[in-house]
Amino acid sequence: MWLSQVTLLRVIGHVLAKVDVETSTLHKRAINDMWAKWKVERGHNWIFWDFIEDERNNLLKAYQFGVEVDEKGLFHDTLDMDGHQLLREAIYWWRDQLEELELAL
């Protein structure tokens, strides 16, 4: 489940950058601006860079899981956070980003 959830979180960004960007010039500009903002404001967008991107890379490129199962459930040792909470944070972050994109379009 962890692998599929993290992969699907990263797929959103992939589709934006590779598919949706081709929809129109306005889409291309808005999506590229969004990516540029995420890169400049890495600390503010940590959930993407430190969790979604890193965890997807660890899973798909090295088949290493960033979470471990403990007595409370999933725990992400590197980020010192509950794995389920990280998933929620990532979903909320994507929701906010997509709402912002819709306003720009």
PDB file of N, CA and C in Angstrom:
ATOM      1  N   MET A   1       0.819  -1.189   0.000  1.00  0.00           N
ATOM      2  CA  MET A   1       0.000   0.000   0.000  1.00  0.00           C
ATOM      3  C   MET A   1       0.871   1.265   0.000  1.00  0.00           C
ATOM      4  N   TRP A   2       1.942   1.246   0.794  1.00  0.00           N
ATOM      5  CA  TRP A   2       2.808   2.425   0.892  1.00  0.00           C
ATOM      6  C   TRP A   2       3.390   2.786  -0.472  1.00  0.00           C
ATOM      7  N   LEU A   3       3.884   1.794  -1.166  1.00  0.00           N
ATOM      8  CA  LEU A   3       4.465   2.014  -2.492  1.00  0.00           C
ATOM      9  C   LEU A   3       3.452   2.656  -3.436  1.00  0.00           C
ATOM     10  N   SER A   4       2.262   2.134  -3.487  1.00  0.00           N
ATOM     11  CA  SER A   4       1.254   2.679  -4.406  1.00  0.00           C
ATOM     12  C   SER A   4       0.818   4.076  -3.996  1.00  0.00           C
ATOM     13  N   GLN A   5       0.680   4.332  -2.711  1.00  0.00           N
ATOM     14  CA  GLN A   5       0.253   5.660  -2.266  1.00  0.00           C
ATOM     15  C   GLN A   5       1.294   6.720  -2.576  1.00  0.00           C
ATOM     16  N   VAL A   6       2.539   6.429  -2.292  1.00  0.00           N
ATOM     17  CA  VAL A   6       3.609   7.387  -2.568  1.00  0.00           C
ATOM     18  C   VAL A   6       3.752   7.599  -4.073  1.00  0.00           C
ATOM     19  N   THR A   7       3.677   6.531  -4.835  1.00  0.00           N
ATOM     20  CA  THR A   7       3.785   6.639  -6.293  1.00  0.00           C
ATOM     21  C   THR A   7       2.662   7.495  -6.856  1.00  0.00           C
ATOM     22  N   LEU A   8       1.457   7.294  -6.380  1.00  0.00           N
ATOM     23  CA  LEU A   8       0.331   8.097  -6.866  1.00  0.00           C
ATOM     24  C   LEU A   8       0.478   9.568  -6.483  1.00  0.00           C
ATOM     25  N   LEU A   9       1.032   9.834  -5.315  1.00  0.00           N
ATOM     26  CA  LEU A   9       1.283  11.226  -4.944  1.00  0.00           C
ATOM     27  C   LEU A   9       2.262  11.884  -5.916  1.00  0.00           C
ATOM     28  N   ARG A  10       3.269  11.151  -6.325  1.00  0.00           N
ATOM     29  CA  ARG A  10       4.265  11.710  -7.243  1.00  0.00           C
ATOM     30  C   ARG A  10       3.737  11.796  -8.666  1.00  0.00           C
ATOM     31  N   VAL A  11       2.824  10.908  -9.032  1.00  0.00           N
ATOM     32  CA  VAL A  11       2.249  10.905 -10.374  1.00  0.00           C
ATOM     33  C   VAL A  11       1.543  12.228 -10.667  1.00  0.00           C
ATOM     34  N   ILE A  12       0.949  12.832  -9.661  1.00  0.00           N
ATOM     35  CA  ILE A  12       0.254  14.106  -9.868  1.00  0.00           C
ATOM     36  C   ILE A  12       1.215  15.131 -10.472  1.00  0.00           C
ATOM     37  N   GLY A  13       2.388  15.257  -9.882  1.00  0.00           N
ATOM     38  CA  GLY A  13       3.379  16.201 -10.402  1.00  0.00           C
ATOM     39  C   GLY A  13       3.866  15.817 -11.783  1.00  0.00           C
ATOM     40  N   HIS A  14       4.020  14.525 -12.013  1.00  0.00           N
ATOM     41  CA  HIS A  14       4.464  14.048 -13.318  1.00  0.00           C
ATOM     42  C   HIS A  14       3.441  14.394 -14.399  1.00  0.00           C
ATOM     43  N   VAL A  15       2.180  14.163 -14.125  1.00  0.00           N
ATOM     44  CA  VAL A  15       1.130  14.471 -15.101  1.00  0.00           C
ATOM     45  C   VAL A  15       1.067  15.970 -15.355  1.00  0.00           C
ATOM     46  N   LEU A  16       1.197  16.767 -14.315  1.00  0.00           N
ATOM     47  CA  LEU A  16       1.212  18.213 -14.514  1.00  0.00           C
ATOM     48  C   LEU A  16       2.353  18.628 -15.443  1.00  0.00           C
ATOM     49  N   ALA A  17       3.550  18.108 -15.172  1.00  0.00           N
ATOM     50  CA  ALA A  17       4.744  18.521 -15.911  1.00  0.00           C
ATOM     51  C   ALA A  17       4.833  17.941 -17.314  1.00  0.00           C
ATOM     52  N   LYS A  18       4.270  16.764 -17.531  1.00  0.00           N
ATOM     53  CA  LYS A  18       4.437  16.096 -18.818  1.00  0.00           C
ATOM     54  C   LYS A  18       3.185  16.076 -19.681  1.00  0.00           C
ATOM     55  N   VAL A  19       2.013  16.131 -19.081  1.00  0.00           N
ATOM     56  CA  VAL A  19       0.765  16.013 -19.839  1.00  0.00           C
ATOM     57  C   VAL A  19      -0.004  17.335 -19.840  1.00  0.00           C
ATOM     58  N   ASP A  20      -0.368  17.795 -18.642  1.00  0.00           N
ATOM     59  CA  ASP A  20      -1.194  18.998 -18.540  1.00  0.00           C
ATOM     60  C   ASP A  20      -0.503  20.238 -19.096  1.00  0.00           C
ATOM     61  N   VAL A  21       0.805  20.263 -19.033  1.00  0.00           N
ATOM     62  CA  VAL A  21       1.564  21.403 -19.530  1.00  0.00           C
ATOM     63  C   VAL A  21       1.356  21.609 -21.040  1.00  0.00           C
ATOM     64  N   GLU A  22       0.958  20.560 -21.737  1.00  0.00           N
ATOM     65  CA  GLU A  22       0.745  20.632 -23.180  1.00  0.00           C
ATOM     66  C   GLU A  22      -0.674  21.077 -23.557  1.00  0.00           C
ATOM     67  N   THR A  23      -1.542  21.292 -22.580  1.00  0.00           N
ATOM     68  CA  THR A  23      -2.933  21.649 -22.838  1.00  0.00           C
ATOM     69  C   THR A  23      -3.064  22.984 -23.551  1.00  0.00           C
ATOM     70  N   SER A  24      -2.328  23.974 -23.086  1.00  0.00           N
ATOM     71  CA  SER A  24      -2.382  25.309 -23.688  1.00  0.00           C
ATOM     72  C   SER A  24      -1.163  26.103 -23.235  1.00  0.00           C
ATOM     73  N   THR A  25      -0.963  27.238 -23.845  1.00  0.00           N
ATOM     74  CA  THR A  25       0.125  28.125 -23.433  1.00  0.00           C
ATOM     75  C   THR A  25      -0.098  28.612 -22.011  1.00  0.00           C
ATOM     76  N   LEU A  26      -1.345  28.893 -21.674  1.00  0.00           N
ATOM     77  CA  LEU A  26      -1.672  29.326 -20.317  1.00  0.00           C
ATOM     78  C   LEU A  26      -1.357  28.232 -19.295  1.00  0.00           C
ATOM     79  N   HIS A  27      -1.714  26.999 -19.611  1.00  0.00           N
ATOM     80  CA  HIS A  27      -1.395  25.876 -18.725  1.00  0.00           C
ATOM     81  C   HIS A  27       0.121  25.737 -18.562  1.00  0.00           C
ATOM     82  N   LYS A  28       0.829  25.818 -19.661  1.00  0.00           N
ATOM     83  CA  LYS A  28       2.282  25.670 -19.625  1.00  0.00           C
ATOM     84  C   LYS A  28       2.912  26.734 -18.729  1.00  0.00           C
ATOM     85  N   ARG A  29       2.488  27.960 -18.893  1.00  0.00           N
ATOM     86  CA  ARG A  29       3.043  29.052 -18.100  1.00  0.00           C
ATOM     87  C   ARG A  29       2.711  28.865 -16.611  1.00  0.00           C
ATOM     88  N   ALA A  30       1.460  28.556 -16.317  1.00  0.00           N
ATOM     89  CA  ALA A  30       1.033  28.421 -14.924  1.00  0.00           C
ATOM     90  C   ALA A  30       1.720  27.235 -14.237  1.00  0.00           C
ATOM     91  N   ILE A  31       1.813  26.121 -14.925  1.00  0.00           N
ATOM     92  CA  ILE A  31       2.441  24.923 -14.340  1.00  0.00           C
ATOM     93  C   ILE A  31       3.938  25.134 -14.166  1.00  0.00           C
ATOM     94  N   ASN A  32       4.586  25.701 -15.154  1.00  0.00           N
ATOM     95  CA  ASN A  32       6.023  25.969 -15.033  1.00  0.00           C
ATOM     96  C   ASN A  32       6.303  26.975 -13.923  1.00  0.00           C
ATOM     97  N   ASP A  33       5.432  27.972 -13.787  1.00  0.00           N
ATOM     98  CA  ASP A  33       5.585  28.933 -12.689  1.00  0.00           C
ATOM     99  C   ASP A  33       5.435  28.248 -11.338  1.00  0.00           C
ATOM    100  N   MET A  34       4.493  27.300 -11.269  1.00  0.00           N
ATOM    101  CA  MET A  34       4.283  26.555 -10.040  1.00  0.00           C
ATOM    102  C   MET A  34       5.530  25.764  -9.668  1.00  0.00           C
ATOM    103  N   TRP A  35       6.094  25.042 -10.631  1.00  0.00           N
ATOM    104  CA  TRP A  35       7.309  24.259 -10.382  1.00  0.00           C
ATOM    105  C   TRP A  35       8.456  25.163  -9.947  1.00  0.00           C
ATOM    106  N   ALA A  36       8.589  26.303 -10.610  1.00  0.00           N
ATOM    107  CA  ALA A  36       9.667  27.237 -10.255  1.00  0.00           C
ATOM    108  C   ALA A  36       9.496  27.732  -8.819  1.00  0.00           C
ATOM    109  N   LYS A  37       8.259  28.011  -8.436  1.00  0.00           N
ATOM    110  CA  LYS A  37       7.975  28.461  -7.070  1.00  0.00           C
ATOM    111  C   LYS A  37       8.324  27.375  -6.060  1.00  0.00           C
ATOM    112  N   TRP A  38       7.981  26.125  -6.355  1.00  0.00           N
ATOM    113  CA  TRP A  38       8.307  25.028  -5.443  1.00  0.00           C
ATOM    114  C   TRP A  38       9.813  24.918  -5.255  1.00  0.00           C
ATOM    115  N   LYS A  39      10.547  25.102  -6.342  1.00  0.00           N
ATOM    116  CA  LYS A  39      12.010  24.984  -6.264  1.00  0.00           C
ATOM    117  C   LYS A  39      12.622  26.110  -5.443  1.00  0.00           C
ATOM    118  N   VAL A  40      12.132  27.330  -5.644  1.00  0.00           N
ATOM    119  CA  VAL A  40      12.655  28.487  -4.911  1.00  0.00           C
ATOM    120  C   VAL A  40      12.271  28.408  -3.442  1.00  0.00           C
ATOM    121  N   GLU A  41      11.052  27.945  -3.168  1.00  0.00           N
ATOM    122  CA  GLU A  41      10.537  27.881  -1.801  1.00  0.00           C
ATOM    123  C   GLU A  41      10.551  26.435  -1.287  1.00  0.00           C
ATOM    124  N   ARG A  42      11.695  25.800  -1.403  1.00  0.00           N
ATOM    125  CA  ARG A  42      11.813  24.384  -1.022  1.00  0.00           C
ATOM    126  C   ARG A  42      11.402  24.134   0.428  1.00  0.00           C
ATOM    127  N   GLY A  43      11.781  25.018   1.323  1.00  0.00           N
ATOM    128  CA  GLY A  43      11.426  24.842   2.733  1.00  0.00           C
ATOM    129  C   GLY A  43       9.924  24.883   2.963  1.00  0.00           C
ATOM    130  N   HIS A  44       9.252  25.771   2.270  1.00  0.00           N
ATOM    131  CA  HIS A  44       7.797  25.876   2.388  1.00  0.00           C
ATOM    132  C   HIS A  44       7.110  24.670   1.752  1.00  0.00           C
ATOM    133  N   ASN A  45       7.726  24.097   0.755  1.00  0.00           N
ATOM    134  CA  ASN A  45       7.170  22.951   0.021  1.00  0.00           C
ATOM    135  C   ASN A  45       7.919  21.662   0.363  1.00  0.00           C
ATOM    136  N   TRP A  46       8.348  21.566   1.601  1.00  0.00           N
ATOM    137  CA  TRP A  46       9.137  20.423   2.057  1.00  0.00           C
ATOM    138  C   TRP A  46       8.425  19.103   1.827  1.00  0.00           C
ATOM    139  N   ILE A  47       7.110  19.093   1.937  1.00  0.00           N
ATOM    140  CA  ILE A  47       6.365  17.836   1.802  1.00  0.00           C
ATOM    141  C   ILE A  47       6.588  17.225   0.420  1.00  0.00           C
ATOM    142  N   PHE A  48       6.731  18.086  -0.593  1.00  0.00           N
ATOM    143  CA  PHE A  48       7.009  17.561  -1.927  1.00  0.00           C
ATOM    144  C   PHE A  48       8.442  17.056  -2.022  1.00  0.00           C
ATOM    145  N   TRP A  49       9.401  17.906  -1.662  1.00  0.00           N
ATOM    146  CA  TRP A  49      10.811  17.573  -1.863  1.00  0.00           C
ATOM    147  C   TRP A  49      11.323  16.527  -0.880  1.00  0.00           C
ATOM    148  N   ASP A  50      10.997  16.670   0.393  1.00  0.00           N
ATOM    149  CA  ASP A  50      11.550  15.789   1.414  1.00  0.00           C
ATOM    150  C   ASP A  50      10.744  14.510   1.615  1.00  0.00           C
ATOM    151  N   PHE A  51       9.515  14.513   1.137  1.00  0.00           N
ATOM    152  CA  PHE A  51       8.718  13.305   1.293  1.00  0.00           C
ATOM    153  C   PHE A  51       8.292  12.722  -0.046  1.00  0.00           C
ATOM    154  N   ILE A  52       7.463  13.417  -0.795  1.00  0.00           N
ATOM    155  CA  ILE A  52       6.920  12.835  -2.031  1.00  0.00           C
ATOM    156  C   ILE A  52       8.049  12.461  -2.996  1.00  0.00           C
ATOM    157  N   GLU A  53       8.908  13.400  -3.291  1.00  0.00           N
ATOM    158  CA  GLU A  53       9.991  13.165  -4.250  1.00  0.00           C
ATOM    159  C   GLU A  53      11.026  12.169  -3.713  1.00  0.00           C
ATOM    160  N   ASP A  54      11.513  12.415  -2.507  1.00  0.00           N
ATOM    161  CA  ASP A  54      12.543  11.535  -1.949  1.00  0.00           C
ATOM    162  C   ASP A  54      12.036  10.118  -1.723  1.00  0.00           C
ATOM    163  N   GLU A  55      10.827  10.006  -1.173  1.00  0.00           N
ATOM    164  CA  GLU A  55      10.309   8.670  -0.873  1.00  0.00           C
ATOM    165  C   GLU A  55      10.036   7.901  -2.159  1.00  0.00           C
ATOM    166  N   ARG A  56       9.506   8.583  -3.170  1.00  0.00           N
ATOM    167  CA  ARG A  56       9.283   7.914  -4.463  1.00  0.00           C
ATOM    168  C   ARG A  56      10.607   7.442  -5.044  1.00  0.00           C
ATOM    169  N   ASN A  57      11.621   8.277  -5.005  1.00  0.00           N
ATOM    170  CA  ASN A  57      12.935   7.883  -5.519  1.00  0.00           C
ATOM    171  C   ASN A  57      13.498   6.694  -4.742  1.00  0.00           C
ATOM    172  N   ASN A  58      13.384   6.732  -3.423  1.00  0.00           N
ATOM    173  CA  ASN A  58      13.872   5.612  -2.612  1.00  0.00           C
ATOM    174  C   ASN A  58      13.141   4.325  -2.955  1.00  0.00           C
ATOM    175  N   LEU A  59      11.839   4.412  -3.111  1.00  0.00           N
ATOM    176  CA  LEU A  59      11.041   3.221  -3.392  1.00  0.00           C
ATOM    177  C   LEU A  59      11.297   2.670  -4.787  1.00  0.00           C
ATOM    178  N   LEU A  60      11.224   3.516  -5.790  1.00  0.00           N
ATOM    179  CA  LEU A  60      11.276   3.033  -7.168  1.00  0.00           C
ATOM    180  C   LEU A  60      12.693   2.835  -7.696  1.00  0.00           C
ATOM    181  N   LYS A  61      13.654   3.539  -7.145  1.00  0.00           N
ATOM    182  CA  LYS A  61      15.014   3.415  -7.649  1.00  0.00           C
ATOM    183  C   LYS A  61      15.882   2.502  -6.788  1.00  0.00           C
ATOM    184  N   ALA A  62      15.597   2.427  -5.491  1.00  0.00           N
ATOM    185  CA  ALA A  62      16.415   1.598  -4.601  1.00  0.00           C
ATOM    186  C   ALA A  62      15.598   0.568  -3.841  1.00  0.00           C
ATOM    187  N   TYR A  63      14.296   0.585  -4.003  1.00  0.00           N
ATOM    188  CA  TYR A  63      13.368  -0.276  -3.281  1.00  0.00           C
ATOM    189  C   TYR A  63      13.655  -0.272  -1.783  1.00  0.00           C
ATOM    190  N   GLN A  64      13.823   0.952  -1.261  1.00  0.00           N
ATOM    191  CA  GLN A  64      14.006   1.158   0.167  1.00  0.00           C
ATOM    192  C   GLN A  64      12.820   1.940   0.703  1.00  0.00           C
ATOM    193  N   PHE A  65      12.241   1.444   1.768  1.00  0.00           N
ATOM    194  CA  PHE A  65      11.079   2.087   2.362  1.00  0.00           C
ATOM    195  C   PHE A  65      11.526   3.069   3.441  1.00  0.00           C
ATOM    196  N   GLY A  66      10.967   4.266   3.407  1.00  0.00           N
ATOM    197  CA  GLY A  66      11.289   5.278   4.406  1.00  0.00           C
ATOM    198  C   GLY A  66      10.506   5.101   5.688  1.00  0.00           C
ATOM    199  N   VAL A  67       9.537   4.206   5.675  1.00  0.00           N
ATOM    200  CA  VAL A  67       8.738   3.966   6.874  1.00  0.00           C
ATOM    201  C   VAL A  67       9.013   2.585   7.418  1.00  0.00           C
ATOM    202  N   GLU A  68       8.807   2.484   8.705  1.00  0.00           N
ATOM    203  CA  GLU A  68       8.880   1.196   9.380  1.00  0.00           C
ATOM    204  C   GLU A  68       7.586   1.009  10.139  1.00  0.00           C
ATOM    205  N   VAL A  69       7.220  -0.224  10.328  1.00  0.00           N
ATOM    206  CA  VAL A  69       6.030  -0.523  11.110  1.00  0.00           C
ATOM    207  C   VAL A  69       6.457  -0.699  12.558  1.00  0.00           C
ATOM    208  N   ASP A  70       5.834   0.091  13.428  1.00  0.00           N
ATOM    209  CA  ASP A  70       6.089  -0.071  14.851  1.00  0.00           C
ATOM    210  C   ASP A  70       4.767  -0.352  15.563  1.00  0.00           C
ATOM    211  N   GLU A  71       4.783  -0.311  16.866  1.00  0.00           N
ATOM    212  CA  GLU A  71       3.565  -0.643  17.623  1.00  0.00           C
ATOM    213  C   GLU A  71       2.427   0.346  17.380  1.00  0.00           C
ATOM    214  N   LYS A  72       2.732   1.540  16.878  1.00  0.00           N
ATOM    215  CA  LYS A  72       1.707   2.551  16.620  1.00  0.00           C
ATOM    216  C   LYS A  72       1.291   2.592  15.153  1.00  0.00           C
ATOM    217  N   GLY A  73       1.980   1.883  14.288  1.00  0.00           N
ATOM    218  CA  GLY A  73       1.670   1.894  12.858  1.00  0.00           C
ATOM    219  C   GLY A  73       2.899   2.199  12.040  1.00  0.00           C
ATOM    220  N   LEU A  74       2.765   3.131  11.104  1.00  0.00           N
ATOM    221  CA  LEU A  74       3.878   3.506  10.233  1.00  0.00           C
ATOM    222  C   LEU A  74       4.636   4.686  10.820  1.00  0.00           C
ATOM    223  N   PHE A  75       5.951   4.615  10.759  1.00  0.00           N
ATOM    224  CA  PHE A  75       6.762   5.725  11.242  1.00  0.00           C
ATOM    225  C   PHE A  75       7.872   6.003  10.239  1.00  0.00           C
ATOM    226  N   HIS A  76       7.994   7.265   9.836  1.00  0.00           N
ATOM    227  CA  HIS A  76       9.037   7.695   8.908  1.00  0.00           C
ATOM    228  C   HIS A  76      10.187   8.252   9.739  1.00  0.00           C
ATOM    229  N   ASP A  77      11.241   7.475   9.860  1.00  0.00           N
ATOM    230  CA  ASP A  77      12.350   7.804  10.744  1.00  0.00           C
ATOM    231  C   ASP A  77      13.086   9.073  10.313  1.00  0.00           C
ATOM    232  N   THR A  78      13.349   9.234   9.025  1.00  0.00           N
ATOM    233  CA  THR A  78      14.108  10.389   8.536  1.00  0.00           C
ATOM    234  C   THR A  78      13.394  11.693   8.840  1.00  0.00           C
ATOM    235  N   LEU A  79      12.078  11.717   8.625  1.00  0.00           N
ATOM    236  CA  LEU A  79      11.304  12.929   8.876  1.00  0.00           C
ATOM    237  C   LEU A  79      10.719  12.969  10.288  1.00  0.00           C
ATOM    238  N   ASP A  80      10.946  11.902  11.049  1.00  0.00           N
ATOM    239  CA  ASP A  80      10.469  11.812  12.426  1.00  0.00           C
ATOM    240  C   ASP A  80       8.968  12.115  12.521  1.00  0.00           C
ATOM    241  N   MET A  81       8.210  11.451  11.640  1.00  0.00           N
ATOM    242  CA  MET A  81       6.762  11.670  11.590  1.00  0.00           C
ATOM    243  C   MET A  81       6.023  10.362  11.354  1.00  0.00           C
ATOM    244  N   ASP A  82       4.791  10.356  11.771  1.00  0.00           N
ATOM    245  CA  ASP A  82       3.899   9.245  11.488  1.00  0.00           C
ATOM    246  C   ASP A  82       3.675   9.157   9.979  1.00  0.00           C
ATOM    247  N   GLY A  83       3.781   7.979   9.424  1.00  0.00           N
ATOM    248  CA  GLY A  83       3.621   7.791   7.984  1.00  0.00           C
ATOM    249  C   GLY A  83       2.249   8.177   7.481  1.00  0.00           C
ATOM    250  N   HIS A  84       1.213   7.858   8.241  1.00  0.00           N
ATOM    251  CA  HIS A  84      -0.138   8.223   7.814  1.00  0.00           C
ATOM    252  C   HIS A  84      -0.319   9.742   7.811  1.00  0.00           C
ATOM    253  N   GLN A  85       0.283  10.409   8.788  1.00  0.00           N
ATOM    254  CA  GLN A  85       0.207  11.871   8.818  1.00  0.00           C
ATOM    255  C   GLN A  85       0.938  12.476   7.624  1.00  0.00           C
ATOM    256  N   LEU A  86       2.058  11.895   7.250  1.00  0.00           N
ATOM    257  CA  LEU A  86       2.779  12.372   6.062  1.00  0.00           C
ATOM    258  C   LEU A  86       1.910  12.252   4.814  1.00  0.00           C
ATOM    259  N   LEU A  87       1.224  11.140   4.674  1.00  0.00           N
ATOM    260  CA  LEU A  87       0.327  10.974   3.528  1.00  0.00           C
ATOM    261  C   LEU A  87      -0.760  12.034   3.536  1.00  0.00           C
ATOM    262  N   ARG A  88      -1.355  12.297   4.706  1.00  0.00           N
ATOM    263  CA  ARG A  88      -2.380  13.334   4.806  1.00  0.00           C
ATOM    264  C   ARG A  88      -1.819  14.698   4.443  1.00  0.00           C
ATOM    265  N   GLU A  89      -0.649  15.017   4.982  1.00  0.00           N
ATOM    266  CA  GLU A  89      -0.007  16.306   4.671  1.00  0.00           C
ATOM    267  C   GLU A  89       0.227  16.450   3.171  1.00  0.00           C
ATOM    268  N   ALA A  90       0.668  15.379   2.539  1.00  0.00           N
ATOM    269  CA  ALA A  90       0.935  15.417   1.101  1.00  0.00           C
ATOM    270  C   ALA A  90      -0.355  15.615   0.303  1.00  0.00           C
ATOM    271  N   ILE A  91      -1.415  14.947   0.704  1.00  0.00           N
ATOM    272  CA  ILE A  91      -2.701  15.107   0.011  1.00  0.00           C
ATOM    273  C   ILE A  91      -3.206  16.527   0.175  1.00  0.00           C
ATOM    274  N   TYR A  92      -3.120  17.060   1.384  1.00  0.00           N
ATOM    275  CA  TYR A  92      -3.547  18.448   1.603  1.00  0.00           C
ATOM    276  C   TYR A  92      -2.682  19.405   0.797  1.00  0.00           C
ATOM    277  N   TRP A  93      -1.396  19.176   0.739  1.00  0.00           N
ATOM    278  CA  TRP A  93      -0.495  20.044  -0.023  1.00  0.00           C
ATOM    279  C   TRP A  93      -0.882  20.032  -1.506  1.00  0.00           C
ATOM    280  N   TRP A  94      -1.113  18.831  -2.047  1.00  0.00           N
ATOM    281  CA  TRP A  94      -1.520  18.754  -3.455  1.00  0.00           C
ATOM    282  C   TRP A  94      -2.848  19.467  -3.676  1.00  0.00           C
ATOM    283  N   ARG A  95      -3.799  19.284  -2.773  1.00  0.00           N
ATOM    284  CA  ARG A  95      -5.088  19.964  -2.909  1.00  0.00           C
ATOM    285  C   ARG A  95      -4.879  21.478  -2.993  1.00  0.00           C
ATOM    286  N   ASP A  96      -4.062  22.015  -2.106  1.00  0.00           N
ATOM    287  CA  ASP A  96      -3.789  23.453  -2.121  1.00  0.00           C
ATOM    288  C   ASP A  96      -3.115  23.888  -3.423  1.00  0.00           C
ATOM    289  N   GLN A  97      -2.158  23.099  -3.892  1.00  0.00           N
ATOM    290  CA  GLN A  97      -1.447  23.443  -5.122  1.00  0.00           C
ATOM    291  C   GLN A  97      -2.391  23.427  -6.329  1.00  0.00           C
ATOM    292  N   LEU A  98      -3.245  22.418  -6.396  1.00  0.00           N
ATOM    293  CA  LEU A  98      -4.169  22.303  -7.527  1.00  0.00           C
ATOM    294  C   LEU A  98      -5.234  23.389  -7.483  1.00  0.00           C
ATOM    295  N   GLU A  99      -5.667  23.767  -6.294  1.00  0.00           N
ATOM    296  CA  GLU A  99      -6.613  24.880  -6.190  1.00  0.00           C
ATOM    297  C   GLU A  99      -5.968  26.183  -6.648  1.00  0.00           C
ATOM    298  N   GLU A 100      -4.710  26.378  -6.263  1.00  0.00           N
ATOM    299  CA  GLU A 100      -3.974  27.575  -6.694  1.00  0.00           C
ATOM    300  C   GLU A 100      -3.795  27.577  -8.218  1.00  0.00           C
ATOM    301  N   LEU A 101      -3.513  26.415  -8.776  1.00  0.00           N
ATOM    302  CA  LEU A 101      -3.379  26.301 -10.233  1.00  0.00           C
ATOM    303  C   LEU A 101      -4.697  26.621 -10.932  1.00  0.00           C
ATOM    304  N   GLU A 102      -5.787  26.101 -10.406  1.00  0.00           N
ATOM    305  CA  GLU A 102      -7.094  26.399 -10.995  1.00  0.00           C
ATOM    306  C   GLU A 102      -7.379  27.895 -10.997  1.00  0.00           C
ATOM    307  N   LEU A 103      -7.015  28.584  -9.945  1.00  0.00           N
ATOM    308  CA  LEU A 103      -7.212  30.041  -9.895  1.00  0.00           C
ATOM    309  C   LEU A 103      -6.369  30.739 -10.957  1.00  0.00           C
ATOM    310  N   ALA A 104      -5.164  30.240 -11.181  1.00  0.00           N
ATOM    311  CA  ALA A 104      -4.273  30.845 -12.184  1.00  0.00           C
ATOM    312  C   ALA A 104      -4.797  30.603 -13.606  1.00  0.00           C
ATOM    313  N   LEU A 105      -5.540  29.524 -13.787  1.00  0.00           N
ATOM    314  CA  LEU A 105      -6.067  29.203 -15.112  1.00  0.00           C
ATOM    315  C   LEU A 105      -7.406  29.854 -15.320  1.00  0.00           C
TER     316      LEU A 105
END
